[in-house]
């Protein structure tokens, strides 16, 4: 499979573009249904994009933020994706946006499933690790098969990945849940990540789970990249 991506000149431009795309998807959702939802990933890369997004003049009372995945750690833990989102999206949350927790003190996915199953996701922002994972779909992770099963009716599932940074136990959106999203935006930075993504597209989903995003029938993710 040939990788189609949009190359931007630098990481500042990448962050601005990601913020603009998320905002556009949210405004489209509000126009269509009166409410909108963005599912957002954690990690070090997208924080500046969320800060730019939160500064935009949207009707935040009509916006819900969800998590693509979460480490099973308290919100106060530096590894918590929710903690990152609460910090970087603080102006939007103060203006009335909602943020749905995924981890509720237990590795059971059931509390998150009850919150997340009804969501209509207008856009999901994804990243990719050096091992080819996205969301918390880690190669070799316990529960990866269920997460990647297109026939899985669940929206949220548990994956145990002993080598994953921050916490071995992860809650994550399933492949089926992400295939229901209106848009999937994959954000990558650096020459190494671009080459890793190219390599992933020649591997199986089990070896490089990010490849599952590109098996979405007729709707490949939109990839944006900067050096």
N, C-alpha and C. Protein backbone atom coordinates (compact mmCIF):
# COMPACT_ATOMS: atom_id res chain seq x y z
N UNK A 1 0.84 -1.19 0.00
CA UNK A 1 0.00 0.00 0.00
C UNK A 1 0.88 1.25 0.00
N UNK A 2 0.57 2.19 -0.86
CA UNK A 2 1.31 3.44 -0.92
C UNK A 2 0.80 4.39 0.15
N UNK A 3 1.72 5.01 0.86
CA UNK A 3 1.34 5.96 1.90
C UNK A 3 1.07 7.33 1.29
N UNK A 4 -0.13 7.83 1.51
CA UNK A 4 -0.50 9.19 1.09
C UNK A 4 -0.55 10.06 2.34
N UNK A 5 0.27 11.09 2.36
CA UNK A 5 0.25 11.99 3.51
C UNK A 5 0.42 13.42 3.06
N UNK A 6 0.01 14.33 3.93
CA UNK A 6 0.24 15.75 3.69
C UNK A 6 1.43 16.19 4.51
N UNK A 7 2.46 16.68 3.84
CA UNK A 7 3.67 17.13 4.52
C UNK A 7 3.57 18.62 4.83
N UNK A 8 3.82 18.95 6.07
CA UNK A 8 3.83 20.35 6.51
C UNK A 8 5.26 20.76 6.84
N UNK A 9 5.56 22.05 6.82
CA UNK A 9 6.96 22.48 6.90
C UNK A 9 7.63 22.24 8.24
N UNK A 10 6.87 22.32 9.33
CA UNK A 10 7.48 22.16 10.65
C UNK A 10 6.40 21.76 11.65
N UNK A 11 6.83 21.51 12.88
CA UNK A 11 5.87 21.00 13.88
C UNK A 11 4.87 22.05 14.33
N UNK A 12 5.24 23.32 14.29
CA UNK A 12 4.27 24.36 14.61
C UNK A 12 3.13 24.34 13.60
N UNK A 13 3.47 24.20 12.33
CA UNK A 13 2.44 24.11 11.29
C UNK A 13 1.61 22.85 11.46
N UNK A 14 2.25 21.77 11.88
CA UNK A 14 1.53 20.51 12.11
C UNK A 14 0.51 20.66 13.22
N UNK A 15 0.90 21.31 14.31
CA UNK A 15 -0.01 21.50 15.43
C UNK A 15 -1.18 22.41 15.04
N UNK A 16 -0.88 23.46 14.30
CA UNK A 16 -1.94 24.37 13.87
C UNK A 16 -2.92 23.66 12.94
N UNK A 17 -2.38 22.86 12.03
CA UNK A 17 -3.25 22.15 11.10
C UNK A 17 -4.14 21.15 11.83
N UNK A 18 -3.57 20.43 12.80
CA UNK A 18 -4.37 19.48 13.57
C UNK A 18 -5.50 20.19 14.32
N UNK A 19 -5.17 21.33 14.94
CA UNK A 19 -6.19 22.09 15.66
C UNK A 19 -7.29 22.57 14.71
N UNK A 20 -6.90 23.03 13.54
CA UNK A 20 -7.87 23.51 12.56
C UNK A 20 -8.79 22.39 12.10
N UNK A 21 -8.23 21.20 11.87
CA UNK A 21 -9.03 20.08 11.38
C UNK A 21 -10.01 19.59 12.45
N UNK A 22 -9.54 19.54 13.69
CA UNK A 22 -10.45 19.13 14.77
C UNK A 22 -11.57 20.16 14.92
N UNK A 23 -11.23 21.44 14.89
CA UNK A 23 -12.25 22.48 15.01
C UNK A 23 -13.26 22.40 13.88
N UNK A 24 -12.79 22.17 12.66
CA UNK A 24 -13.70 22.08 11.51
C UNK A 24 -14.65 20.91 11.66
N UNK A 25 -14.14 19.78 12.13
CA UNK A 25 -15.00 18.61 12.33
C UNK A 25 -16.03 18.86 13.42
N UNK A 26 -15.62 19.55 14.49
CA UNK A 26 -16.57 19.85 15.56
C UNK A 26 -17.66 20.81 15.07
N UNK A 27 -17.27 21.81 14.32
CA UNK A 27 -18.27 22.76 13.80
C UNK A 27 -19.24 22.06 12.84
N UNK A 28 -18.73 21.12 12.05
CA UNK A 28 -19.60 20.37 11.15
C UNK A 28 -20.57 19.51 11.93
N UNK A 29 -20.11 18.90 13.00
CA UNK A 29 -20.98 18.09 13.83
C UNK A 29 -22.06 18.91 14.51
N UNK A 30 -21.68 20.07 15.01
CA UNK A 30 -22.66 20.96 15.64
C UNK A 30 -23.71 21.40 14.62
N UNK A 31 -23.26 21.72 13.41
CA UNK A 31 -24.20 22.15 12.37
C UNK A 31 -25.15 21.03 11.99
N UNK A 32 -24.67 19.79 12.00
CA UNK A 32 -25.50 18.66 11.56
C UNK A 32 -26.41 18.13 12.65
N UNK A 33 -25.93 18.11 13.90
CA UNK A 33 -26.67 17.42 14.96
C UNK A 33 -26.88 18.25 16.21
N UNK A 34 -26.32 19.44 16.26
CA UNK A 34 -26.45 20.27 17.45
C UNK A 34 -25.43 19.97 18.52
N UNK A 35 -24.64 18.90 18.34
CA UNK A 35 -23.57 18.54 19.28
C UNK A 35 -22.45 17.90 18.48
N UNK A 36 -21.25 17.84 19.07
CA UNK A 36 -20.13 17.23 18.37
C UNK A 36 -19.19 16.59 19.38
N UNK A 37 -18.41 15.63 18.88
CA UNK A 37 -17.48 14.90 19.74
C UNK A 37 -16.16 14.67 19.02
N UNK A 38 -15.06 14.91 19.72
CA UNK A 38 -13.72 14.58 19.24
C UNK A 38 -13.10 13.60 20.21
N UNK A 39 -12.55 12.51 19.69
CA UNK A 39 -11.80 11.55 20.49
C UNK A 39 -10.32 11.86 20.31
N UNK A 40 -9.61 12.08 21.41
CA UNK A 40 -8.25 12.59 21.35
C UNK A 40 -7.26 11.63 22.01
N UNK A 41 -6.07 11.56 21.42
CA UNK A 41 -5.00 10.72 21.95
C UNK A 41 -4.12 11.53 22.90
N UNK A 42 -3.40 10.80 23.75
CA UNK A 42 -2.45 11.43 24.65
C UNK A 42 -1.06 11.41 24.05
N UNK A 43 -0.05 11.34 24.90
CA UNK A 43 1.32 11.35 24.43
C UNK A 43 1.88 12.77 24.38
N UNK A 44 3.18 12.85 24.08
CA UNK A 44 3.87 14.14 24.11
C UNK A 44 3.58 15.01 22.90
N UNK A 45 3.28 14.40 21.76
CA UNK A 45 3.21 15.18 20.51
C UNK A 45 2.03 16.14 20.43
N UNK A 46 0.77 15.71 20.71
CA UNK A 46 -0.36 16.57 20.33
C UNK A 46 -0.72 17.69 21.30
N UNK A 47 -0.07 17.80 22.44
CA UNK A 47 -0.45 18.81 23.42
C UNK A 47 -0.58 20.22 22.84
N UNK A 48 0.40 20.72 22.08
CA UNK A 48 0.27 22.06 21.51
C UNK A 48 -0.92 22.21 20.58
N UNK A 49 -1.31 21.14 19.89
CA UNK A 49 -2.49 21.21 19.04
C UNK A 49 -3.74 21.42 19.88
N UNK A 50 -3.81 20.77 21.04
CA UNK A 50 -4.97 20.92 21.91
C UNK A 50 -5.03 22.34 22.49
N UNK A 51 -3.88 22.89 22.82
CA UNK A 51 -3.86 24.27 23.32
C UNK A 51 -4.37 25.24 22.27
N UNK A 52 -3.96 25.05 21.01
CA UNK A 52 -4.45 25.89 19.93
C UNK A 52 -5.95 25.70 19.73
N UNK A 53 -6.39 24.45 19.80
CA UNK A 53 -7.82 24.16 19.65
C UNK A 53 -8.65 24.86 20.72
N UNK A 54 -8.19 24.77 21.96
CA UNK A 54 -8.96 25.33 23.08
C UNK A 54 -9.07 26.84 23.03
N UNK A 55 -8.20 27.49 22.25
CA UNK A 55 -8.24 28.95 22.13
C UNK A 55 -9.22 29.42 21.06
N UNK A 56 -9.81 28.49 20.33
CA UNK A 56 -10.71 28.87 19.23
C UNK A 56 -12.10 29.22 19.77
N UNK A 57 -12.80 30.10 19.06
CA UNK A 57 -14.11 30.58 19.55
C UNK A 57 -15.27 29.67 19.13
N UNK A 58 -15.23 28.42 19.54
CA UNK A 58 -16.33 27.50 19.26
C UNK A 58 -17.39 27.63 20.34
N UNK A 59 -18.57 27.10 20.07
CA UNK A 59 -19.60 26.99 21.11
C UNK A 59 -19.28 25.74 21.91
N UNK A 60 -18.44 25.90 22.91
CA UNK A 60 -17.90 24.76 23.63
C UNK A 60 -18.96 24.01 24.42
N UNK A 61 -20.06 24.65 24.73
CA UNK A 61 -21.12 23.95 25.48
C UNK A 61 -21.70 22.79 24.68
N UNK A 62 -21.45 22.77 23.38
CA UNK A 62 -22.00 21.72 22.52
C UNK A 62 -20.96 20.67 22.13
N UNK A 63 -19.81 20.71 22.81
CA UNK A 63 -18.70 19.83 22.45
C UNK A 63 -18.40 18.85 23.57
N UNK A 64 -18.19 17.59 23.19
CA UNK A 64 -17.73 16.56 24.10
C UNK A 64 -16.37 16.05 23.63
N UNK A 65 -15.43 15.96 24.55
CA UNK A 65 -14.15 15.33 24.27
C UNK A 65 -14.13 13.94 24.90
N UNK A 66 -13.66 12.98 24.13
CA UNK A 66 -13.48 11.62 24.62
C UNK A 66 -12.00 11.27 24.48
N UNK A 67 -11.61 10.18 25.10
CA UNK A 67 -10.25 9.69 25.01
C UNK A 67 -10.17 8.55 24.01
N UNK A 68 -9.14 8.53 23.20
CA UNK A 68 -8.90 7.37 22.34
C UNK A 68 -8.46 6.19 23.19
N UNK A 69 -7.63 6.46 24.19
CA UNK A 69 -7.17 5.40 25.09
C UNK A 69 -6.70 6.04 26.38
N UNK A 70 -6.51 5.20 27.38
CA UNK A 70 -6.08 5.71 28.68
C UNK A 70 -5.30 4.64 29.44
N UNK A 71 -4.26 5.09 30.11
CA UNK A 71 -3.54 4.22 31.04
C UNK A 71 -4.38 4.08 32.31
N UNK A 72 -4.32 2.92 32.92
CA UNK A 72 -5.09 2.69 34.14
C UNK A 72 -4.31 3.25 35.33
N UNK A 73 -4.27 4.56 35.40
CA UNK A 73 -3.60 5.29 36.47
C UNK A 73 -4.52 6.45 36.88
N UNK A 74 -4.36 6.98 38.09
CA UNK A 74 -5.19 8.12 38.50
C UNK A 74 -4.94 9.33 37.61
N UNK A 75 -5.92 10.19 37.54
CA UNK A 75 -5.80 11.42 36.74
C UNK A 75 -4.62 12.27 37.18
N UNK A 76 -4.25 12.18 38.46
CA UNK A 76 -3.13 12.97 38.98
C UNK A 76 -1.77 12.43 38.54
N UNK A 77 -1.75 11.22 38.01
CA UNK A 77 -0.48 10.60 37.57
C UNK A 77 0.00 11.30 36.31
N UNK A 78 1.30 11.62 36.19
CA UNK A 78 1.81 12.27 34.97
C UNK A 78 1.55 11.47 33.70
N UNK A 79 1.32 10.16 33.82
CA UNK A 79 1.07 9.32 32.65
C UNK A 79 -0.38 9.35 32.19
N UNK A 80 -1.25 10.01 32.93
CA UNK A 80 -2.68 10.02 32.61
C UNK A 80 -2.97 10.87 31.38
N UNK A 81 -3.60 10.27 30.39
CA UNK A 81 -4.02 11.03 29.21
C UNK A 81 -5.11 12.04 29.57
N UNK A 82 -5.99 11.66 30.46
CA UNK A 82 -7.04 12.60 30.87
C UNK A 82 -6.42 13.83 31.52
N UNK A 83 -5.40 13.61 32.34
CA UNK A 83 -4.73 14.75 32.97
C UNK A 83 -4.16 15.69 31.93
N UNK A 84 -3.53 15.12 30.88
CA UNK A 84 -2.99 15.95 29.79
C UNK A 84 -4.10 16.76 29.13
N UNK A 85 -5.21 16.10 28.82
CA UNK A 85 -6.30 16.81 28.14
C UNK A 85 -6.90 17.90 29.03
N UNK A 86 -7.03 17.62 30.30
CA UNK A 86 -7.60 18.63 31.19
C UNK A 86 -6.70 19.86 31.28
N UNK A 87 -5.41 19.65 31.20
CA UNK A 87 -4.49 20.80 31.24
C UNK A 87 -4.51 21.57 29.92
N UNK A 88 -4.39 20.87 28.82
CA UNK A 88 -4.24 21.55 27.53
C UNK A 88 -5.56 22.11 27.00
N UNK A 89 -6.66 21.52 27.41
CA UNK A 89 -7.98 21.97 26.96
C UNK A 89 -8.69 22.83 28.00
N UNK A 90 -7.97 23.28 29.01
CA UNK A 90 -8.60 23.98 30.13
C UNK A 90 -9.51 25.14 29.70
N UNK A 91 -9.12 26.00 28.77
CA UNK A 91 -10.03 27.10 28.39
C UNK A 91 -11.34 26.59 27.79
N UNK A 92 -11.28 25.55 26.98
CA UNK A 92 -12.51 25.02 26.39
C UNK A 92 -13.39 24.37 27.46
N UNK A 93 -12.77 23.65 28.39
CA UNK A 93 -13.55 23.03 29.46
C UNK A 93 -14.17 24.09 30.36
N UNK A 94 -13.43 25.16 30.62
CA UNK A 94 -13.98 26.25 31.43
C UNK A 94 -15.14 26.93 30.73
N UNK A 95 -15.14 26.88 29.39
CA UNK A 95 -16.21 27.51 28.61
C UNK A 95 -17.38 26.56 28.37
N UNK A 96 -17.34 25.36 28.95
CA UNK A 96 -18.52 24.50 28.90
C UNK A 96 -18.36 23.19 28.17
N UNK A 97 -17.18 22.92 27.59
CA UNK A 97 -16.97 21.62 26.93
C UNK A 97 -16.95 20.51 27.98
N UNK A 98 -17.33 19.31 27.57
CA UNK A 98 -17.34 18.15 28.46
C UNK A 98 -16.19 17.21 28.09
N UNK A 99 -15.58 16.60 29.10
CA UNK A 99 -14.54 15.60 28.88
C UNK A 99 -14.95 14.33 29.61
N UNK A 100 -15.11 13.25 28.85
CA UNK A 100 -15.54 11.98 29.42
C UNK A 100 -14.35 11.15 29.86
N UNK A 101 -14.32 10.77 31.11
CA UNK A 101 -13.25 9.91 31.61
C UNK A 101 -13.37 8.53 30.98
N UNK A 102 -12.22 7.85 30.85
CA UNK A 102 -12.23 6.47 30.40
C UNK A 102 -11.86 5.53 31.55
N UNK A 103 -10.94 5.95 32.39
CA UNK A 103 -10.53 5.14 33.53
C UNK A 103 -11.26 5.62 34.77
N UNK A 104 -11.94 4.70 35.45
CA UNK A 104 -12.75 5.06 36.62
C UNK A 104 -12.27 4.35 37.88
N UNK A 105 -10.97 4.06 37.95
CA UNK A 105 -10.42 3.45 39.15
C UNK A 105 -10.29 1.94 39.07
N UNK A 106 -10.74 1.35 37.99
CA UNK A 106 -10.69 -0.10 37.80
C UNK A 106 -10.33 -0.39 36.36
N UNK A 107 -9.58 -1.47 36.09
CA UNK A 107 -9.29 -1.81 34.69
C UNK A 107 -10.48 -2.35 33.92
N UNK A 108 -11.61 -2.51 34.58
CA UNK A 108 -12.80 -2.97 33.86
C UNK A 108 -13.22 -1.93 32.83
N UNK A 109 -13.50 -2.35 31.59
CA UNK A 109 -13.95 -1.38 30.59
C UNK A 109 -15.43 -1.02 30.71
N UNK A 110 -16.15 -1.65 31.61
CA UNK A 110 -17.60 -1.48 31.64
C UNK A 110 -18.06 -0.05 31.93
N UNK A 111 -17.48 0.67 32.92
CA UNK A 111 -17.92 2.05 33.14
C UNK A 111 -17.70 2.93 31.91
N UNK A 112 -16.55 2.78 31.26
CA UNK A 112 -16.28 3.58 30.06
C UNK A 112 -17.20 3.17 28.92
N UNK A 113 -17.49 1.89 28.82
CA UNK A 113 -18.39 1.43 27.75
C UNK A 113 -19.75 2.11 27.85
N UNK A 114 -20.26 2.24 29.06
CA UNK A 114 -21.56 2.88 29.25
C UNK A 114 -21.54 4.34 28.79
N UNK A 115 -20.42 5.04 29.00
CA UNK A 115 -20.31 6.44 28.60
C UNK A 115 -20.03 6.59 27.11
N UNK A 116 -19.23 5.68 26.57
CA UNK A 116 -18.69 5.86 25.22
C UNK A 116 -19.54 5.23 24.13
N UNK A 117 -20.26 4.18 24.44
CA UNK A 117 -21.04 3.49 23.40
C UNK A 117 -22.01 4.41 22.67
N UNK A 118 -22.67 5.36 23.35
CA UNK A 118 -23.63 6.21 22.62
C UNK A 118 -23.00 7.32 21.78
N UNK A 119 -21.68 7.51 21.86
CA UNK A 119 -21.06 8.67 21.22
C UNK A 119 -21.08 8.56 19.70
N UNK A 120 -21.30 9.69 19.07
CA UNK A 120 -21.07 9.84 17.62
C UNK A 120 -19.78 10.64 17.50
N UNK A 121 -18.71 9.98 17.10
CA UNK A 121 -17.40 10.63 17.04
C UNK A 121 -17.23 11.33 15.69
N UNK A 122 -17.08 12.63 15.74
CA UNK A 122 -16.91 13.41 14.52
C UNK A 122 -15.49 13.33 13.99
N UNK A 123 -14.53 13.24 14.89
CA UNK A 123 -13.13 13.10 14.48
C UNK A 123 -12.36 12.43 15.60
N UNK A 124 -11.45 11.56 15.21
CA UNK A 124 -10.53 10.93 16.17
C UNK A 124 -9.11 11.30 15.76
N UNK A 125 -8.35 11.84 16.70
CA UNK A 125 -6.96 12.17 16.45
C UNK A 125 -6.09 11.05 16.97
N UNK A 126 -5.32 10.44 16.07
CA UNK A 126 -4.50 9.29 16.41
C UNK A 126 -3.02 9.64 16.30
N UNK A 127 -2.21 8.89 17.02
CA UNK A 127 -0.77 8.96 16.89
C UNK A 127 -0.23 7.56 16.60
N UNK A 128 1.08 7.43 16.59
CA UNK A 128 1.70 6.13 16.34
C UNK A 128 3.01 6.04 17.11
N UNK A 129 3.24 4.91 17.76
CA UNK A 129 4.48 4.68 18.46
C UNK A 129 5.53 4.04 17.57
N UNK A 130 6.76 4.01 18.05
CA UNK A 130 7.86 3.45 17.28
C UNK A 130 7.68 1.95 17.02
N UNK A 131 6.85 1.29 17.84
CA UNK A 131 6.59 -0.13 17.65
C UNK A 131 5.41 -0.38 16.71
N UNK A 132 4.85 0.68 16.14
CA UNK A 132 3.72 0.52 15.23
C UNK A 132 2.37 0.47 15.91
N UNK A 133 2.31 0.81 17.20
CA UNK A 133 1.00 0.81 17.86
C UNK A 133 0.30 2.14 17.63
N UNK A 134 -1.01 2.11 17.72
CA UNK A 134 -1.83 3.30 17.77
C UNK A 134 -2.92 3.04 18.78
N UNK A 135 -3.58 4.08 19.29
CA UNK A 135 -4.45 3.92 20.45
C UNK A 135 -3.62 3.14 21.49
N UNK A 136 -4.20 2.12 22.12
CA UNK A 136 -3.40 1.22 22.96
C UNK A 136 -3.39 -0.18 22.35
N UNK A 137 -3.37 -0.21 21.04
CA UNK A 137 -3.26 -1.49 20.33
C UNK A 137 -1.77 -1.82 20.20
N UNK A 138 -1.22 -2.52 21.20
CA UNK A 138 0.20 -2.82 21.22
C UNK A 138 0.47 -4.20 20.63
N UNK A 139 1.48 -4.31 19.78
CA UNK A 139 1.85 -5.64 19.27
C UNK A 139 2.12 -6.59 20.43
N UNK A 140 1.50 -7.76 20.39
CA UNK A 140 1.70 -8.74 21.44
C UNK A 140 0.89 -8.51 22.68
N UNK A 141 0.11 -7.44 22.73
CA UNK A 141 -0.67 -7.15 23.92
C UNK A 141 -1.79 -8.15 24.14
N UNK A 142 -2.04 -8.49 25.39
CA UNK A 142 -3.17 -9.37 25.73
C UNK A 142 -4.47 -8.60 25.49
N UNK A 143 -5.31 -9.13 24.64
CA UNK A 143 -6.54 -8.46 24.29
C UNK A 143 -6.49 -7.76 22.95
N UNK A 144 -5.33 -7.82 22.27
CA UNK A 144 -5.20 -7.14 20.98
C UNK A 144 -6.17 -7.71 19.95
N UNK A 145 -6.36 -9.01 19.95
CA UNK A 145 -7.27 -9.62 18.99
C UNK A 145 -8.67 -9.06 19.09
N UNK A 146 -9.17 -8.92 20.33
CA UNK A 146 -10.50 -8.37 20.53
C UNK A 146 -10.56 -6.91 20.10
N UNK A 147 -9.50 -6.16 20.38
CA UNK A 147 -9.48 -4.75 20.01
C UNK A 147 -9.53 -4.57 18.50
N UNK A 148 -8.88 -5.46 17.76
CA UNK A 148 -8.81 -5.33 16.31
C UNK A 148 -9.93 -6.05 15.58
N UNK A 149 -10.75 -6.77 16.30
CA UNK A 149 -11.84 -7.53 15.69
C UNK A 149 -12.93 -6.59 15.23
N UNK A 150 -13.10 -6.48 13.92
CA UNK A 150 -14.12 -5.58 13.36
C UNK A 150 -15.52 -5.98 13.81
N UNK A 151 -15.72 -7.23 14.15
CA UNK A 151 -17.03 -7.70 14.59
C UNK A 151 -17.29 -7.50 16.07
N UNK A 152 -16.32 -6.98 16.80
CA UNK A 152 -16.49 -6.73 18.23
C UNK A 152 -17.49 -5.61 18.43
N UNK A 153 -18.56 -5.88 19.14
CA UNK A 153 -19.61 -4.87 19.33
C UNK A 153 -19.24 -3.84 20.38
N UNK A 154 -18.16 -4.06 21.12
CA UNK A 154 -17.78 -3.14 22.19
C UNK A 154 -17.10 -1.89 21.64
N UNK A 155 -17.27 -0.80 22.36
CA UNK A 155 -16.61 0.46 22.03
C UNK A 155 -15.28 0.60 22.74
N UNK A 156 -15.20 0.08 23.96
CA UNK A 156 -13.99 0.18 24.79
C UNK A 156 -13.58 -1.22 25.24
N UNK A 157 -12.28 -1.48 25.22
CA UNK A 157 -11.78 -2.78 25.67
C UNK A 157 -10.50 -2.59 26.46
N UNK A 158 -10.10 -3.64 27.18
CA UNK A 158 -8.89 -3.64 27.98
C UNK A 158 -7.77 -4.36 27.24
N UNK A 159 -6.60 -3.76 27.23
CA UNK A 159 -5.39 -4.40 26.70
C UNK A 159 -4.33 -4.37 27.79
N UNK A 160 -3.66 -5.52 27.95
CA UNK A 160 -2.52 -5.59 28.88
C UNK A 160 -1.26 -5.72 28.04
N UNK A 161 -0.38 -4.73 28.16
CA UNK A 161 0.86 -4.70 27.37
C UNK A 161 2.01 -4.42 28.34
N UNK A 162 2.70 -5.49 28.79
CA UNK A 162 3.72 -5.32 29.83
C UNK A 162 4.81 -4.32 29.49
N UNK A 163 5.13 -4.12 28.22
CA UNK A 163 6.21 -3.22 27.85
C UNK A 163 5.74 -1.79 27.56
N UNK A 164 4.45 -1.53 27.68
CA UNK A 164 3.92 -0.20 27.38
C UNK A 164 4.35 0.80 28.45
N UNK A 165 4.74 1.99 28.02
CA UNK A 165 5.20 3.01 28.96
C UNK A 165 4.03 3.53 29.79
N UNK A 166 4.30 3.82 31.04
CA UNK A 166 3.29 4.44 31.90
C UNK A 166 2.46 3.47 32.69
N UNK A 167 1.93 2.46 32.05
CA UNK A 167 1.12 1.44 32.72
C UNK A 167 0.89 0.29 31.75
N UNK A 168 0.91 -0.92 32.28
CA UNK A 168 0.68 -2.10 31.43
C UNK A 168 -0.79 -2.24 31.06
N UNK A 169 -1.67 -1.88 31.98
CA UNK A 169 -3.10 -2.00 31.73
C UNK A 169 -3.60 -0.74 31.04
N UNK A 170 -4.26 -0.93 29.91
CA UNK A 170 -4.76 0.19 29.10
C UNK A 170 -6.22 -0.04 28.72
N UNK A 171 -7.00 1.01 28.76
CA UNK A 171 -8.34 1.00 28.17
C UNK A 171 -8.25 1.72 26.84
N UNK A 172 -8.93 1.20 25.83
CA UNK A 172 -8.79 1.77 24.50
C UNK A 172 -10.05 1.61 23.69
N UNK A 173 -10.28 2.55 22.77
CA UNK A 173 -11.33 2.35 21.78
C UNK A 173 -10.97 1.15 20.91
N UNK A 174 -12.00 0.45 20.48
CA UNK A 174 -11.80 -0.68 19.58
C UNK A 174 -11.69 -0.20 18.14
N UNK A 175 -11.20 -1.09 17.30
CA UNK A 175 -11.16 -0.79 15.87
C UNK A 175 -12.56 -0.51 15.34
N UNK A 176 -13.53 -1.30 15.78
CA UNK A 176 -14.91 -1.10 15.30
C UNK A 176 -15.42 0.28 15.68
N UNK A 177 -15.09 0.74 16.88
CA UNK A 177 -15.53 2.07 17.31
C UNK A 177 -14.91 3.16 16.44
N UNK A 178 -13.63 3.02 16.14
CA UNK A 178 -12.97 4.03 15.31
C UNK A 178 -13.45 3.99 13.87
N UNK A 179 -13.87 2.83 13.40
CA UNK A 179 -14.40 2.76 12.04
C UNK A 179 -15.76 3.44 11.93
N UNK A 180 -16.40 3.69 13.07
CA UNK A 180 -17.68 4.42 13.05
C UNK A 180 -17.47 5.93 13.09
N UNK A 181 -16.25 6.37 13.36
CA UNK A 181 -15.97 7.81 13.42
C UNK A 181 -16.13 8.44 12.04
N UNK A 182 -16.58 9.67 12.01
CA UNK A 182 -16.73 10.39 10.75
C UNK A 182 -15.37 10.59 10.07
N UNK A 183 -14.37 10.95 10.86
CA UNK A 183 -13.04 11.19 10.32
C UNK A 183 -12.00 10.63 11.28
N UNK A 184 -10.89 10.15 10.73
CA UNK A 184 -9.73 9.74 11.53
C UNK A 184 -8.53 10.49 11.00
N UNK A 185 -7.87 11.23 11.89
CA UNK A 185 -6.71 12.04 11.53
C UNK A 185 -5.50 11.44 12.24
N UNK A 186 -4.50 11.02 11.47
CA UNK A 186 -3.29 10.44 12.03
C UNK A 186 -2.17 11.48 11.96
N UNK A 187 -1.64 11.84 13.12
CA UNK A 187 -0.64 12.89 13.24
C UNK A 187 0.69 12.24 13.57
N UNK A 188 1.70 12.46 12.73
CA UNK A 188 3.03 11.92 13.00
C UNK A 188 4.08 13.00 12.77
N UNK A 189 5.18 12.89 13.50
CA UNK A 189 6.25 13.89 13.40
C UNK A 189 7.59 13.19 13.37
N UNK A 190 8.47 13.63 12.49
CA UNK A 190 9.82 13.10 12.41
C UNK A 190 10.00 12.12 11.26
N UNK A 191 11.20 12.13 10.69
CA UNK A 191 11.51 11.22 9.58
C UNK A 191 11.37 9.77 10.00
N UNK A 192 11.76 9.46 11.25
CA UNK A 192 11.69 8.08 11.71
C UNK A 192 10.26 7.57 11.75
N UNK A 193 9.33 8.42 12.19
CA UNK A 193 7.93 8.00 12.25
C UNK A 193 7.35 7.82 10.85
N UNK A 194 7.72 8.68 9.92
CA UNK A 194 7.21 8.53 8.57
C UNK A 194 7.66 7.20 7.97
N UNK A 195 8.94 6.87 8.16
CA UNK A 195 9.44 5.61 7.61
C UNK A 195 8.84 4.42 8.34
N UNK A 196 8.60 4.58 9.65
CA UNK A 196 7.96 3.48 10.39
C UNK A 196 6.55 3.23 9.90
N UNK A 197 5.83 4.30 9.60
CA UNK A 197 4.48 4.14 9.09
C UNK A 197 4.50 3.46 7.73
N UNK A 198 5.42 3.85 6.87
CA UNK A 198 5.54 3.19 5.57
C UNK A 198 5.78 1.68 5.75
N UNK A 199 6.66 1.34 6.67
CA UNK A 199 6.96 -0.07 6.92
C UNK A 199 5.74 -0.79 7.49
N UNK A 200 4.98 -0.11 8.33
CA UNK A 200 3.81 -0.73 8.96
C UNK A 200 2.77 -1.16 7.93
N UNK A 201 2.66 -0.39 6.86
CA UNK A 201 1.66 -0.71 5.86
C UNK A 201 1.99 -1.98 5.08
N UNK A 202 3.21 -2.48 5.23
CA UNK A 202 3.60 -3.74 4.61
C UNK A 202 3.54 -4.90 5.61
N UNK A 203 3.15 -4.60 6.85
CA UNK A 203 3.07 -5.61 7.88
C UNK A 203 1.63 -5.98 8.19
N UNK A 204 1.48 -7.05 8.95
CA UNK A 204 0.14 -7.44 9.40
C UNK A 204 -0.32 -6.51 10.52
N UNK A 205 -1.61 -6.50 10.78
CA UNK A 205 -2.15 -5.68 11.86
C UNK A 205 -1.61 -6.13 13.21
N UNK A 206 -1.36 -7.42 13.36
CA UNK A 206 -0.84 -7.92 14.63
C UNK A 206 0.59 -7.44 14.85
N UNK A 207 1.37 -7.34 13.78
CA UNK A 207 2.75 -6.87 13.89
C UNK A 207 2.82 -5.36 14.06
N UNK A 208 1.98 -4.64 13.36
CA UNK A 208 1.94 -3.18 13.39
C UNK A 208 0.48 -2.74 13.40
N UNK A 209 -0.13 -2.68 14.56
CA UNK A 209 -1.58 -2.43 14.63
C UNK A 209 -2.05 -1.14 13.96
N UNK A 210 -1.17 -0.15 13.78
CA UNK A 210 -1.60 1.07 13.09
C UNK A 210 -2.12 0.74 11.69
N UNK A 211 -1.67 -0.36 11.11
CA UNK A 211 -2.14 -0.76 9.78
C UNK A 211 -3.65 -0.97 9.75
N UNK A 212 -4.25 -1.28 10.90
CA UNK A 212 -5.69 -1.51 10.95
C UNK A 212 -6.47 -0.25 10.56
N UNK A 213 -5.90 0.92 10.82
CA UNK A 213 -6.58 2.16 10.45
C UNK A 213 -6.74 2.28 8.95
N UNK A 214 -5.81 1.67 8.21
CA UNK A 214 -5.82 1.79 6.75
C UNK A 214 -6.65 0.70 6.09
N UNK A 215 -7.22 -0.20 6.91
CA UNK A 215 -8.09 -1.24 6.39
C UNK A 215 -9.56 -0.86 6.53
N UNK A 216 -9.81 0.38 6.92
CA UNK A 216 -11.17 0.87 7.06
C UNK A 216 -11.77 0.99 5.66
N UNK A 217 -12.84 0.27 5.36
CA UNK A 217 -13.34 0.20 3.97
C UNK A 217 -13.67 1.57 3.39
N UNK A 218 -12.90 1.95 2.37
CA UNK A 218 -13.18 3.18 1.64
C UNK A 218 -12.87 4.46 2.38
N UNK A 219 -12.31 4.37 3.59
CA UNK A 219 -12.10 5.57 4.39
C UNK A 219 -10.79 5.48 5.14
N UNK A 220 -9.70 5.61 4.44
CA UNK A 220 -8.39 5.60 5.07
C UNK A 220 -8.23 6.85 5.94
N UNK A 221 -7.38 6.78 6.95
CA UNK A 221 -7.16 7.98 7.77
C UNK A 221 -6.46 9.08 6.98
N UNK A 222 -6.68 10.30 7.39
CA UNK A 222 -5.98 11.45 6.82
C UNK A 222 -4.67 11.59 7.60
N UNK A 223 -3.55 11.51 6.89
CA UNK A 223 -2.25 11.53 7.55
C UNK A 223 -1.60 12.90 7.34
N UNK A 224 -1.22 13.54 8.43
CA UNK A 224 -0.47 14.80 8.35
C UNK A 224 0.85 14.61 9.06
N UNK A 225 1.91 15.17 8.49
CA UNK A 225 3.27 14.90 8.97
C UNK A 225 4.13 16.16 8.84
N UNK A 226 5.09 16.26 9.74
CA UNK A 226 6.12 17.30 9.64
C UNK A 226 7.43 16.71 10.13
N UNK A 227 8.55 17.25 9.65
CA UNK A 227 9.86 16.72 10.07
C UNK A 227 10.09 16.84 11.58
